[in-house]
PDB file of N, CA and C in Angstrom:
ATOM      1  N   MET A   1      14.172  11.370 -20.860  1.00  0.00           N
ATOM      2  CA  MET A   1      13.317  10.198 -20.731  1.00  0.00           C
ATOM      3  C   MET A   1      14.043   9.151 -19.905  1.00  0.00           C
ATOM      4  N   GLU A   2      13.271   8.430 -19.124  1.00  0.00           N
ATOM      5  CA  GLU A   2      13.916   7.403 -18.332  1.00  0.00           C
ATOM      6  C   GLU A   2      13.608   6.035 -18.897  1.00  0.00           C
ATOM      7  N   SER A   3      14.597   5.195 -18.830  1.00  0.00           N
ATOM      8  CA  SER A   3      14.442   3.813 -19.249  1.00  0.00           C
ATOM      9  C   SER A   3      15.459   3.018 -18.466  1.00  0.00           C
ATOM     10  N   SER A   4      15.161   2.828 -17.220  1.00  0.00           N
ATOM     11  CA  SER A   4      16.177   2.278 -16.332  1.00  0.00           C
ATOM     12  C   SER A   4      15.914   0.830 -15.993  1.00  0.00           C
ATOM     13  N   GLY A   5      16.027  -0.026 -16.951  1.00  0.00           N
ATOM     14  CA  GLY A   5      15.957  -1.451 -16.666  1.00  0.00           C
ATOM     15  C   GLY A   5      14.552  -1.924 -16.384  1.00  0.00           C
ATOM     16  N   THR A   6      14.464  -3.110 -15.943  1.00  0.00           N
ATOM     17  CA  THR A   6      13.189  -3.742 -15.722  1.00  0.00           C
ATOM     18  C   THR A   6      12.954  -3.914 -14.235  1.00  0.00           C
ATOM     19  N   PRO A   7      11.873  -3.343 -13.692  1.00  0.00           N
ATOM     20  CA  PRO A   7      11.614  -3.523 -12.268  1.00  0.00           C
ATOM     21  C   PRO A   7      11.200  -4.950 -11.988  1.00  0.00           C
ATOM     22  N   GLY A   8      11.497  -5.407 -10.807  1.00  0.00           N
ATOM     23  CA  GLY A   8      11.011  -6.707 -10.388  1.00  0.00           C
ATOM     24  C   GLY A   8      11.870  -7.867 -10.822  1.00  0.00           C
ATOM     25  N   GLU A   9      12.867  -7.650 -11.668  1.00  0.00           N
ATOM     26  CA  GLU A   9      13.731  -8.754 -12.043  1.00  0.00           C
ATOM     27  C   GLU A   9      14.884  -8.783 -11.072  1.00  0.00           C
ATOM     28  N   GLY A  10      15.029  -9.832 -10.423  1.00  0.00           N
ATOM     29  CA  GLY A  10      16.053  -9.903  -9.428  1.00  0.00           C
ATOM     30  C   GLY A  10      17.172 -10.791  -9.847  1.00  0.00           C
ATOM     31  N   GLY A  11      17.960 -11.042  -9.063  1.00  0.00           N
ATOM     32  CA  GLY A  11      19.158 -11.795  -9.216  1.00  0.00           C
ATOM     33  C   GLY A  11      19.083 -13.107  -9.766  1.00  0.00           C
ATOM     34  N   GLY A  12      19.093 -13.855 -10.018  1.00  0.00           N
ATOM     35  CA  GLY A  12      19.627 -14.991 -10.627  1.00  0.00           C
ATOM     36  C   GLY A  12      18.660 -16.034 -10.910  1.00  0.00           C
ATOM     37  N   GLY A  13      18.878 -16.941 -11.537  1.00  0.00           N
ATOM     38  CA  GLY A  13      17.907 -17.950 -11.811  1.00  0.00           C
ATOM     39  C   GLY A  13      18.388 -19.244 -11.272  1.00  0.00           C
ATOM     40  N   GLY A  14      18.308 -19.489 -10.181  1.00  0.00           N
ATOM     41  CA  GLY A  14      18.674 -20.833  -9.884  1.00  0.00           C
ATOM     42  C   GLY A  14      19.715 -20.913  -8.825  1.00  0.00           C
ATOM     43  N   GLY A  15      20.464 -21.502  -8.567  1.00  0.00           N
ATOM     44  CA  GLY A  15      21.470 -21.707  -7.553  1.00  0.00           C
ATOM     45  C   GLY A  15      20.868 -21.701  -6.179  1.00  0.00           C
ATOM     46  N   GLY A  16      21.121 -22.304  -5.298  1.00  0.00           N
ATOM     47  CA  GLY A  16      20.657 -22.234  -3.927  1.00  0.00           C
ATOM     48  C   GLY A  16      19.248 -22.744  -3.758  1.00  0.00           C
ATOM     49  N   GLY A  17      18.996 -23.319  -2.643  1.00  0.00           N
ATOM     50  CA  GLY A  17      17.660 -23.830  -2.376  1.00  0.00           C
ATOM     51  C   GLY A  17      16.782 -22.734  -1.848  1.00  0.00           C
ATOM     52  N   GLY A  18      15.617 -23.087  -1.427  1.00  0.00           N
ATOM     53  CA  GLY A  18      14.714 -22.123  -0.818  1.00  0.00           C
ATOM     54  C   GLY A  18      14.117 -21.171  -1.822  1.00  0.00           C
ATOM     55  N   GLY A  19      14.074 -21.532  -3.081  1.00  0.00           N
ATOM     56  CA  GLY A  19      13.469 -20.657  -4.074  1.00  0.00           C
ATOM     57  C   GLY A  19      11.986 -20.500  -3.809  1.00  0.00           C
ATOM     58  N   VAL A  20      11.450 -19.383  -4.222  1.00  0.00           N
ATOM     59  CA  VAL A  20      10.040 -19.094  -4.028  1.00  0.00           C
ATOM     60  C   VAL A  20       9.313 -19.386  -5.327  1.00  0.00           C
ATOM     61  N   ASP A  21       8.177 -20.044  -5.238  1.00  0.00           N
ATOM     62  CA  ASP A  21       7.354 -20.302  -6.417  1.00  0.00           C
ATOM     63  C   ASP A  21       7.082 -18.964  -7.102  1.00  0.00           C
ATOM     64  N   PRO A  22       7.333 -18.853  -8.423  1.00  0.00           N
ATOM     65  CA  PRO A  22       7.185 -17.568  -9.117  1.00  0.00           C
ATOM     66  C   PRO A  22       5.835 -16.900  -8.916  1.00  0.00           C
ATOM     67  N   GLN A  23       4.771 -17.676  -8.762  1.00  0.00           N
ATOM     68  CA  GLN A  23       3.472 -17.034  -8.586  1.00  0.00           C
ATOM     69  C   GLN A  23       3.354 -16.316  -7.244  1.00  0.00           C
ATOM     70  N   PHE A  24       4.267 -16.600  -6.315  1.00  0.00           N
ATOM     71  CA  PHE A  24       4.223 -15.936  -5.019  1.00  0.00           C
ATOM     72  C   PHE A  24       5.327 -14.900  -4.847  1.00  0.00           C
ATOM     73  N   GLN A  25       6.156 -14.712  -5.869  1.00  0.00           N
ATOM     74  CA  GLN A  25       7.209 -13.709  -5.779  1.00  0.00           C
ATOM     75  C   GLN A  25       6.598 -12.322  -5.827  1.00  0.00           C
ATOM     76  N   MET A  26       7.261 -11.398  -5.188  1.00  0.00           N
ATOM     77  CA  MET A  26       6.802 -10.015  -5.171  1.00  0.00           C
ATOM     78  C   MET A  26       7.126  -9.358  -6.511  1.00  0.00           C
ATOM     79  N   PHE A  27       6.325  -8.422  -6.910  1.00  0.00           N
ATOM     80  CA  PHE A  27       6.566  -7.626  -8.097  1.00  0.00           C
ATOM     81  C   PHE A  27       6.189  -6.199  -7.773  1.00  0.00           C
ATOM     82  N   ASP A  28       6.678  -5.282  -8.555  1.00  0.00           N
ATOM     83  CA  ASP A  28       6.441  -3.866  -8.297  1.00  0.00           C
ATOM     84  C   ASP A  28       5.357  -3.360  -9.234  1.00  0.00           C
ATOM     85  N   GLU A  29       4.151  -3.161  -8.708  1.00  0.00           N
ATOM     86  CA  GLU A  29       3.034  -2.700  -9.527  1.00  0.00           C
ATOM     87  C   GLU A  29       2.961  -1.173  -9.581  1.00  0.00           C
ATOM     88  N   THR A  30       3.927  -0.509  -8.958  1.00  0.00           N
ATOM     89  CA  THR A  30       3.962   0.944  -9.002  1.00  0.00           C
ATOM     90  C   THR A  30       4.227   1.394 -10.437  1.00  0.00           C
ATOM     91  N   PRO A  31       3.356   2.229 -10.989  1.00  0.00           N
ATOM     92  CA  PRO A  31       3.560   2.661 -12.386  1.00  0.00           C
ATOM     93  C   PRO A  31       4.840   3.484 -12.537  1.00  0.00           C
ATOM     94  N   ARG A  32       5.499   3.271 -13.650  1.00  0.00           N
ATOM     95  CA  ARG A  32       6.655   4.081 -14.034  1.00  0.00           C
ATOM     96  C   ARG A  32       6.209   4.965 -15.180  1.00  0.00           C
ATOM     97  N   GLU A  33       6.696   6.197 -15.185  1.00  0.00           N
ATOM     98  CA  GLU A  33       6.334   7.126 -16.242  1.00  0.00           C
ATOM     99  C   GLU A  33       7.564   7.615 -16.980  1.00  0.00           C
ATOM    100  N   ALA A  34       7.430   7.746 -18.283  1.00  0.00           N
ATOM    101  CA  ALA A  34       8.491   8.282 -19.132  1.00  0.00           C
ATOM    102  C   ALA A  34       7.865   9.258 -20.121  1.00  0.00           C
ATOM    103  N   GLU A  35       8.373  10.475 -20.133  1.00  0.00           N
ATOM    104  CA  GLU A  35       7.862  11.485 -21.063  1.00  0.00           C
ATOM    105  C   GLU A  35       8.436  11.220 -22.450  1.00  0.00           C
ATOM    106  N   LEU A  36       7.553  11.161 -23.445  1.00  0.00           N
ATOM    107  CA  LEU A  36       7.966  10.815 -24.800  1.00  0.00           C
ATOM    108  C   LEU A  36       7.946  11.988 -25.768  1.00  0.00           C
ATOM    109  N   GLY A  37       7.586  13.149 -25.297  1.00  0.00           N
ATOM    110  CA  GLY A  37       7.527  14.317 -26.172  1.00  0.00           C
ATOM    111  C   GLY A  37       6.191  14.999 -26.059  1.00  0.00           C
ATOM    112  N   SER A  38       5.782  15.688 -27.117  1.00  0.00           N
ATOM    113  CA  SER A  38       4.497  16.367 -27.093  1.00  0.00           C
ATOM    114  C   SER A  38       3.886  16.332 -28.485  1.00  0.00           C
ATOM    115  N   VAL A  39       2.581  16.562 -28.509  1.00  0.00           N
ATOM    116  CA  VAL A  39       1.842  16.551 -29.769  1.00  0.00           C
ATOM    117  C   VAL A  39       0.786  17.665 -29.717  1.00  0.00           C
ATOM    118  N   PRO A  40       0.666  18.451 -30.805  1.00  0.00           N
ATOM    119  CA  PRO A  40      -0.346  19.516 -30.831  1.00  0.00           C
ATOM    120  C   PRO A  40      -1.709  18.971 -31.237  1.00  0.00           C
ATOM    121  N   HIS A  41      -2.744  19.564 -30.657  1.00  0.00           N
ATOM    122  CA  HIS A  41      -4.115  19.259 -31.090  1.00  0.00           C
ATOM    123  C   HIS A  41      -4.998  20.455 -30.776  1.00  0.00           C
ATOM    124  N   ASP A  42      -5.681  20.980 -31.790  1.00  0.00           N
ATOM    125  CA  ASP A  42      -6.586  22.132 -31.654  1.00  0.00           C
ATOM    126  C   ASP A  42      -5.945  23.288 -30.883  1.00  0.00           C
ATOM    127  N   GLY A  43      -4.731  23.629 -31.240  1.00  0.00           N
ATOM    128  CA  GLY A  43      -4.067  24.773 -30.627  1.00  0.00           C
ATOM    129  C   GLY A  43      -3.516  24.515 -29.237  1.00  0.00           C
ATOM    130  N   GLU A  44      -3.628  23.317 -28.762  1.00  0.00           N
ATOM    131  CA  GLU A  44      -3.131  22.963 -27.429  1.00  0.00           C
ATOM    132  C   GLU A  44      -2.000  21.958 -27.592  1.00  0.00           C
ATOM    133  N   ASN A  45      -0.963  22.106 -26.785  1.00  0.00           N
ATOM    134  CA  ASN A  45       0.171  21.190 -26.828  1.00  0.00           C
ATOM    135  C   ASN A  45       0.023  20.156 -25.706  1.00  0.00           C
ATOM    136  N   TRP A  46      -0.014  18.879 -26.072  1.00  0.00           N
ATOM    137  CA  TRP A  46      -0.208  17.791 -25.107  1.00  0.00           C
ATOM    138  C   TRP A  46       1.104  17.047 -24.887  1.00  0.00           C
ATOM    139  N   THR A  47       1.535  16.957 -23.635  1.00  0.00           N
ATOM    140  CA  THR A  47       2.709  16.169 -23.293  1.00  0.00           C
ATOM    141  C   THR A  47       2.315  14.703 -23.322  1.00  0.00           C
ATOM    142  N   VAL A  48       3.124  13.891 -23.991  1.00  0.00           N
ATOM    143  CA  VAL A  48       2.855  12.461 -24.134  1.00  0.00           C
ATOM    144  C   VAL A  48       3.696  11.713 -23.106  1.00  0.00           C
ATOM    145  N   VAL A  49       3.019  10.946 -22.254  1.00  0.00           N
ATOM    146  CA  VAL A  49       3.689  10.208 -21.191  1.00  0.00           C
ATOM    147  C   VAL A  49       3.326   8.733 -21.314  1.00  0.00           C
ATOM    148  N   LEU A  50       4.337   7.880 -21.272  1.00  0.00           N
ATOM    149  CA  LEU A  50       4.097   6.444 -21.197  1.00  0.00           C
ATOM    150  C   LEU A  50       4.032   6.073 -19.722  1.00  0.00           C
ATOM    151  N   GLN A  51       2.970   5.375 -19.344  1.00  0.00           N
ATOM    152  CA  GLN A  51       2.856   4.850 -17.976  1.00  0.00           C
ATOM    153  C   GLN A  51       2.835   3.325 -18.087  1.00  0.00           C
ATOM    154  N   ALA A  52       3.767   2.671 -17.410  1.00  0.00           N
ATOM    155  CA  ALA A  52       3.863   1.214 -17.492  1.00  0.00           C
ATOM    156  C   ALA A  52       3.997   0.633 -16.096  1.00  0.00           C
ATOM    157  N   ARG A  53       3.471  -0.573 -15.935  1.00  0.00           N
ATOM    158  CA  ARG A  53       3.550  -1.248 -14.640  1.00  0.00           C
ATOM    159  C   ARG A  53       3.627  -2.752 -14.858  1.00  0.00           C
ATOM    160  N   GLU A  54       4.220  -3.416 -13.898  1.00  0.00           N
ATOM    161  CA  GLU A  54       4.261  -4.874 -13.921  1.00  0.00           C
ATOM    162  C   GLU A  54       3.030  -5.385 -13.190  1.00  0.00           C
ATOM    163  N   CYS A  55       2.396  -6.396 -13.739  1.00  0.00           N
ATOM    164  CA  CYS A  55       1.171  -6.933 -13.147  1.00  0.00           C
ATOM    165  C   CYS A  55       1.411  -8.320 -12.563  1.00  0.00           C
ATOM    166  N   ALA A  56       0.411  -8.834 -11.888  1.00  0.00           N
ATOM    167  CA  ALA A  56       0.539 -10.110 -11.181  1.00  0.00           C
ATOM    168  C   ALA A  56       0.901 -11.259 -12.114  1.00  0.00           C
ATOM    169  N   ASP A  57       0.546 -11.168 -13.372  1.00  0.00           N
ATOM    170  CA  ASP A  57       0.883 -12.229 -14.318  1.00  0.00           C
ATOM    171  C   ASP A  57       2.311 -12.107 -14.835  1.00  0.00           C
ATOM    172  N   ARG A  58       3.080 -11.171 -14.250  1.00  0.00           N
ATOM    173  CA  ARG A  58       4.495 -10.943 -14.577  1.00  0.00           C
ATOM    174  C   ARG A  58       4.691 -10.273 -15.941  1.00  0.00           C
ATOM    175  N   LEU A  59       3.622  -9.800 -16.548  1.00  0.00           N
ATOM    176  CA  LEU A  59       3.724  -9.060 -17.796  1.00  0.00           C
ATOM    177  C   LEU A  59       3.642  -7.570 -17.493  1.00  0.00           C
ATOM    178  N   PHE A  60       4.197  -6.781 -18.383  1.00  0.00           N
ATOM    179  CA  PHE A  60       4.185  -5.329 -18.229  1.00  0.00           C
ATOM    180  C   PHE A  60       3.121  -4.748 -19.143  1.00  0.00           C
ATOM    181  N   ARG A  61       2.332  -3.843 -18.584  1.00  0.00           N
ATOM    182  CA  ARG A  61       1.266  -3.194 -19.336  1.00  0.00           C
ATOM    183  C   ARG A  61       1.548  -1.701 -19.398  1.00  0.00           C
ATOM    184  N   GLY A  62       1.287  -1.134 -20.575  1.00  0.00           N
ATOM    185  CA  GLY A  62       1.559   0.288 -20.755  1.00  0.00           C
ATOM    186  C   GLY A  62       0.394   1.004 -21.398  1.00  0.00           C
ATOM    187  N   ARG A  63       0.256   2.252 -21.038  1.00  0.00           N
ATOM    188  CA  ARG A  63      -0.785   3.136 -21.587  1.00  0.00           C
ATOM    189  C   ARG A  63      -0.182   4.510 -21.782  1.00  0.00           C
ATOM    190  N   PHE A  64      -0.899   5.352 -22.501  1.00  0.00           N
ATOM    191  CA  PHE A  64      -0.468   6.733 -22.665  1.00  0.00           C
ATOM    192  C   PHE A  64      -1.287   7.638 -21.754  1.00  0.00           C
ATOM    193  N   LEU A  65      -0.615   8.644 -21.222  1.00  0.00           N
ATOM    194  CA  LEU A  65      -1.256   9.770 -20.552  1.00  0.00           C
ATOM    195  C   LEU A  65      -0.930  10.992 -21.400  1.00  0.00           C
ATOM    196  N   PHE A  66      -1.895  11.880 -21.537  1.00  0.00           N
ATOM    197  CA  PHE A  66      -1.688  13.123 -22.260  1.00  0.00           C
ATOM    198  C   PHE A  66      -2.017  14.250 -21.301  1.00  0.00           C
ATOM    199  N   ARG A  67      -1.077  15.167 -21.124  1.00  0.00           N
ATOM    200  CA  ARG A  67      -1.257  16.251 -20.142  1.00  0.00           C
ATOM    201  C   ARG A  67      -1.101  17.603 -20.813  1.00  0.00           C
ATOM    202  N   SER A  68      -2.036  18.497 -20.456  1.00  0.00           N
ATOM    203  CA  SER A  68      -1.982  19.863 -20.968  1.00  0.00           C
ATOM    204  C   SER A  68      -2.770  20.785 -20.048  1.00  0.00           C
ATOM    205  N   LYS A  69      -2.137  21.839 -19.604  1.00  0.00           N
ATOM    206  CA  LYS A  69      -2.804  22.890 -18.826  1.00  0.00           C
ATOM    207  C   LYS A  69      -3.643  22.325 -17.684  1.00  0.00           C
ATOM    208  N   GLY A  70      -3.077  21.428 -16.909  1.00  0.00           N
ATOM    209  CA  GLY A  70      -3.763  20.878 -15.748  1.00  0.00           C
ATOM    210  C   GLY A  70      -4.744  19.757 -16.052  1.00  0.00           C
ATOM    211  N   LYS A  71      -4.911  19.417 -17.327  1.00  0.00           N
ATOM    212  CA  LYS A  71      -5.815  18.326 -17.695  1.00  0.00           C
ATOM    213  C   LYS A  71      -4.990  17.077 -17.980  1.00  0.00           C
ATOM    214  N   GLU A  72      -5.611  15.918 -17.750  1.00  0.00           N
ATOM    215  CA  GLU A  72      -4.947  14.660 -18.071  1.00  0.00           C
ATOM    216  C   GLU A  72      -5.939  13.710 -18.727  1.00  0.00           C
ATOM    217  N   LEU A  73      -5.524  13.138 -19.842  1.00  0.00           N
ATOM    218  CA  LEU A  73      -6.306  12.128 -20.544  1.00  0.00           C
ATOM    219  C   LEU A  73      -5.544  10.812 -20.451  1.00  0.00           C
ATOM    220  N   ARG A  74      -6.265   9.689 -20.353  1.00  0.00           N
ATOM    221  CA  ARG A  74      -5.621   8.376 -20.245  1.00  0.00           C
ATOM    222  C   ARG A  74      -6.223   7.405 -21.244  1.00  0.00           C
ATOM    223  N   THR A  75      -5.372   6.607 -21.856  1.00  0.00           N
ATOM    224  CA  THR A  75      -5.863   5.525 -22.693  1.00  0.00           C
ATOM    225  C   THR A  75      -6.035   4.290 -21.815  1.00  0.00           C
ATOM    226  N   ALA A  76      -6.646   3.287 -22.364  1.00  0.00           N
ATOM    227  CA  ALA A  76      -6.630   1.964 -21.733  1.00  0.00           C
ATOM    228  C   ALA A  76      -5.231   1.395 -21.946  1.00  0.00           C
ATOM    229  N   ASP A  77      -4.956   0.245 -21.373  1.00  0.00           N
ATOM    230  CA  ASP A  77      -3.679  -0.420 -21.627  1.00  0.00           C
ATOM    231  C   ASP A  77      -3.595  -0.756 -23.112  1.00  0.00           C
ATOM    232  N   LEU A  78      -2.530  -0.303 -23.754  1.00  0.00           N
ATOM    233  CA  LEU A  78      -2.336  -0.521 -25.181  1.00  0.00           C
ATOM    234  C   LEU A  78      -1.214  -1.504 -25.484  1.00  0.00           C
ATOM    235  N   PHE A  79      -0.321  -1.686 -24.530  1.00  0.00           N
ATOM    236  CA  PHE A  79       0.848  -2.529 -24.737  1.00  0.00           C
ATOM    237  C   PHE A  79       0.924  -3.572 -23.636  1.00  0.00           C
ATOM    238  N   ILE A  80       1.159  -4.814 -24.010  1.00  0.00           N
ATOM    239  CA  ILE A  80       1.381  -5.892 -23.049  1.00  0.00           C
ATOM    240  C   ILE A  80       2.607  -6.648 -23.535  1.00  0.00           C
ATOM    241  N   GLU A  81       3.664  -6.587 -22.751  1.00  0.00           N
ATOM    242  CA  GLU A  81       4.944  -7.174 -23.152  1.00  0.00           C
ATOM    243  C   GLU A  81       5.602  -7.871 -21.964  1.00  0.00           C
ATOM    244  N   ALA A  82       6.634  -8.628 -22.247  1.00  0.00           N
ATOM    245  CA  ALA A  82       7.345  -9.379 -21.207  1.00  0.00           C
ATOM    246  C   ALA A  82       8.228  -8.488 -20.342  1.00  0.00           C
ATOM    247  N   THR A  83       8.696  -7.355 -20.881  1.00  0.00           N
ATOM    248  CA  THR A  83       9.577  -6.473 -20.109  1.00  0.00           C
ATOM    249  C   THR A  83       9.156  -5.015 -20.270  1.00  0.00           C
ATOM    250  N   TYR A  84       9.595  -4.193 -19.318  1.00  0.00           N
ATOM    251  CA  TYR A  84       9.359  -2.753 -19.409  1.00  0.00           C
ATOM    252  C   TYR A  84      10.008  -2.193 -20.674  1.00  0.00           C
ATOM    253  N   ASP A  85      11.212  -2.627 -20.961  1.00  0.00           N
ATOM    254  CA  ASP A  85      11.929  -2.108 -22.127  1.00  0.00           C
ATOM    255  C   ASP A  85      11.177  -2.379 -23.427  1.00  0.00           C
ATOM    256  N   GLU A  86      10.511  -3.510 -23.523  1.00  0.00           N
ATOM    257  CA  GLU A  86       9.724  -3.810 -24.729  1.00  0.00           C
ATOM    258  C   GLU A  86       8.503  -2.887 -24.828  1.00  0.00           C
ATOM    259  N   VAL A  87       7.857  -2.620 -23.702  1.00  0.00           N
ATOM    260  CA  VAL A  87       6.730  -1.676 -23.704  1.00  0.00           C
ATOM    261  C   VAL A  87       7.225  -0.295 -24.136  1.00  0.00           C
ATOM    262  N   TYR A  88       8.342   0.132 -23.547  1.00  0.00           N
ATOM    263  CA  TYR A  88       8.903   1.447 -23.870  1.00  0.00           C
ATOM    264  C   TYR A  88       9.243   1.542 -25.355  1.00  0.00           C
ATOM    265  N   GLU A  89       9.873   0.519 -25.897  1.00  0.00           N
ATOM    266  CA  GLU A  89      10.264   0.528 -27.305  1.00  0.00           C
ATOM    267  C   GLU A  89       9.046   0.620 -28.225  1.00  0.00           C
ATOM    268  N   ARG A  90       8.028  -0.171 -27.956  1.00  0.00           N
ATOM    269  CA  ARG A  90       6.816  -0.140 -28.802  1.00  0.00           C
ATOM    270  C   ARG A  90       6.135   1.218 -28.728  1.00  0.00           C
ATOM    271  N   ALA A  91       6.022   1.760 -27.515  1.00  0.00           N
ATOM    272  CA  ALA A  91       5.342   3.048 -27.345  1.00  0.00           C
ATOM    273  C   ALA A  91       6.123   4.178 -28.015  1.00  0.00           C
ATOM    274  N   SER A  92       7.424   4.185 -27.839  1.00  0.00           N
ATOM    275  CA  SER A  92       8.221   5.288 -28.389  1.00  0.00           C
ATOM    276  C   SER A  92       8.355   5.200 -29.906  1.00  0.00           C
ATOM    277  N   ASN A  93       8.061   4.055 -30.490  1.00  0.00           N
ATOM    278  CA  ASN A  93       8.134   3.905 -31.949  1.00  0.00           C
ATOM    279  C   ASN A  93       6.788   4.121 -32.649  1.00  0.00           C
ATOM    280  N   LEU A  94       5.757   4.421 -31.883  1.00  0.00           N
ATOM    281  CA  LEU A  94       4.450   4.665 -32.489  1.00  0.00           C
ATOM    282  C   LEU A  94       4.504   5.967 -33.289  1.00  0.00           C
ATOM    283  N   GLU A  95       3.930   5.955 -34.473  1.00  0.00           N
ATOM    284  CA  GLU A  95       3.981   7.134 -35.333  1.00  0.00           C
ATOM    285  C   GLU A  95       3.137   8.279 -34.762  1.00  0.00           C
ATOM    286  N   GLU A  96       3.618   9.503 -35.017  1.00  0.00           N
ATOM    287  CA  GLU A  96       2.986  10.684 -34.428  1.00  0.00           C
ATOM    288  C   GLU A  96       1.524  10.833 -34.814  1.00  0.00           C
ATOM    289  N   HIS A  97       1.154  10.515 -36.042  1.00  0.00           N
ATOM    290  CA  HIS A  97      -0.254  10.683 -36.434  1.00  0.00           C
ATOM    291  C   HIS A  97      -1.155   9.740 -35.622  1.00  0.00           C
ATOM    292  N   LEU A  98      -0.643   8.591 -35.204  1.00  0.00           N
ATOM    293  CA  LEU A  98      -1.438   7.690 -34.357  1.00  0.00           C
ATOM    294  C   LEU A  98      -1.598   8.265 -32.951  1.00  0.00           C
ATOM    295  N   ILE A  99      -0.548   8.915 -32.464  1.00  0.00           N
ATOM    296  CA  ILE A  99      -0.624   9.575 -31.141  1.00  0.00           C
ATOM    297  C   ILE A  99      -1.667  10.692 -31.188  1.00  0.00           C
ATOM    298  N   ARG A 100      -1.639  11.505 -32.260  1.00  0.00           N
ATOM    299  CA  ARG A 100      -2.634  12.583 -32.399  1.00  0.00           C
ATOM    300  C   ARG A 100      -4.045  12.006 -32.452  1.00  0.00           C
ATOM    301  N   ASP A 101      -4.207  10.882 -33.140  1.00  0.00           N
ATOM    302  CA  ASP A 101      -5.534  10.249 -33.205  1.00  0.00           C
ATOM    303  C   ASP A 101      -5.992   9.782 -31.827  1.00  0.00           C
ATOM    304  N   LEU A 102      -5.078   9.300 -31.011  1.00  0.00           N
ATOM    305  CA  LEU A 102      -5.439   8.900 -29.645  1.00  0.00           C
ATOM    306  C   LEU A 102      -5.916  10.105 -28.843  1.00  0.00           C
ATOM    307  N   VAL A 103      -5.188  11.211 -28.931  1.00  0.00           N
ATOM    308  CA  VAL A 103      -5.606  12.439 -28.216  1.00  0.00           C
ATOM    309  C   VAL A 103      -7.005  12.832 -28.680  1.00  0.00           C
ATOM    310  N   ARG A 104      -7.195  12.887 -29.979  1.00  0.00           N
ATOM    311  CA  ARG A 104      -8.507  13.293 -30.541  1.00  0.00           C
ATOM    312  C   ARG A 104      -9.606  12.363 -30.046  1.00  0.00           C
ATOM    313  N   SER A 105      -9.335  11.067 -29.969  1.00  0.00           N
ATOM    314  CA  SER A 105     -10.372  10.112 -29.553  1.00  0.00           C
ATOM    315  C   SER A 105     -10.743  10.253 -28.077  1.00  0.00           C
ATOM    316  N   LEU A 106      -9.836  10.822 -27.294  1.00  0.00           N
ATOM    317  CA  LEU A 106     -10.098  10.969 -25.861  1.00  0.00           C
ATOM    318  C   LEU A 106     -10.785  12.288 -25.504  1.00  0.00           C
ATOM    319  N   LEU A 107     -10.822  13.217 -26.441  1.00  0.00           N
ATOM    320  CA  LEU A 107     -11.443  14.521 -26.154  1.00  0.00           C
ATOM    321  C   LEU A 107     -12.933  14.513 -26.453  1.00  0.00           C
TER     322      LEU A 107
END
């Protein structure tokens, strides 16, 4: 599983002039994916993937993807946090029976 820091956070807070208004700073909206394991449902094994991205409001949003045999199911955004690491922590701590319920609700 990957958990490599927070995208879009750059160097320093302050020092030097010429700072850019935060609402105009660039951010990386490219989704990051981390495989969290797998969960069985109706004889099929579904790989659980967290997909998270930073949005224009500087918050990170995360959802689950479930993949099995060429199929992919997606939830809506379930997590909204200040950092990628917080989204990852909340998603990876979700109990397995709740993950199975999400898969079932998407089928």
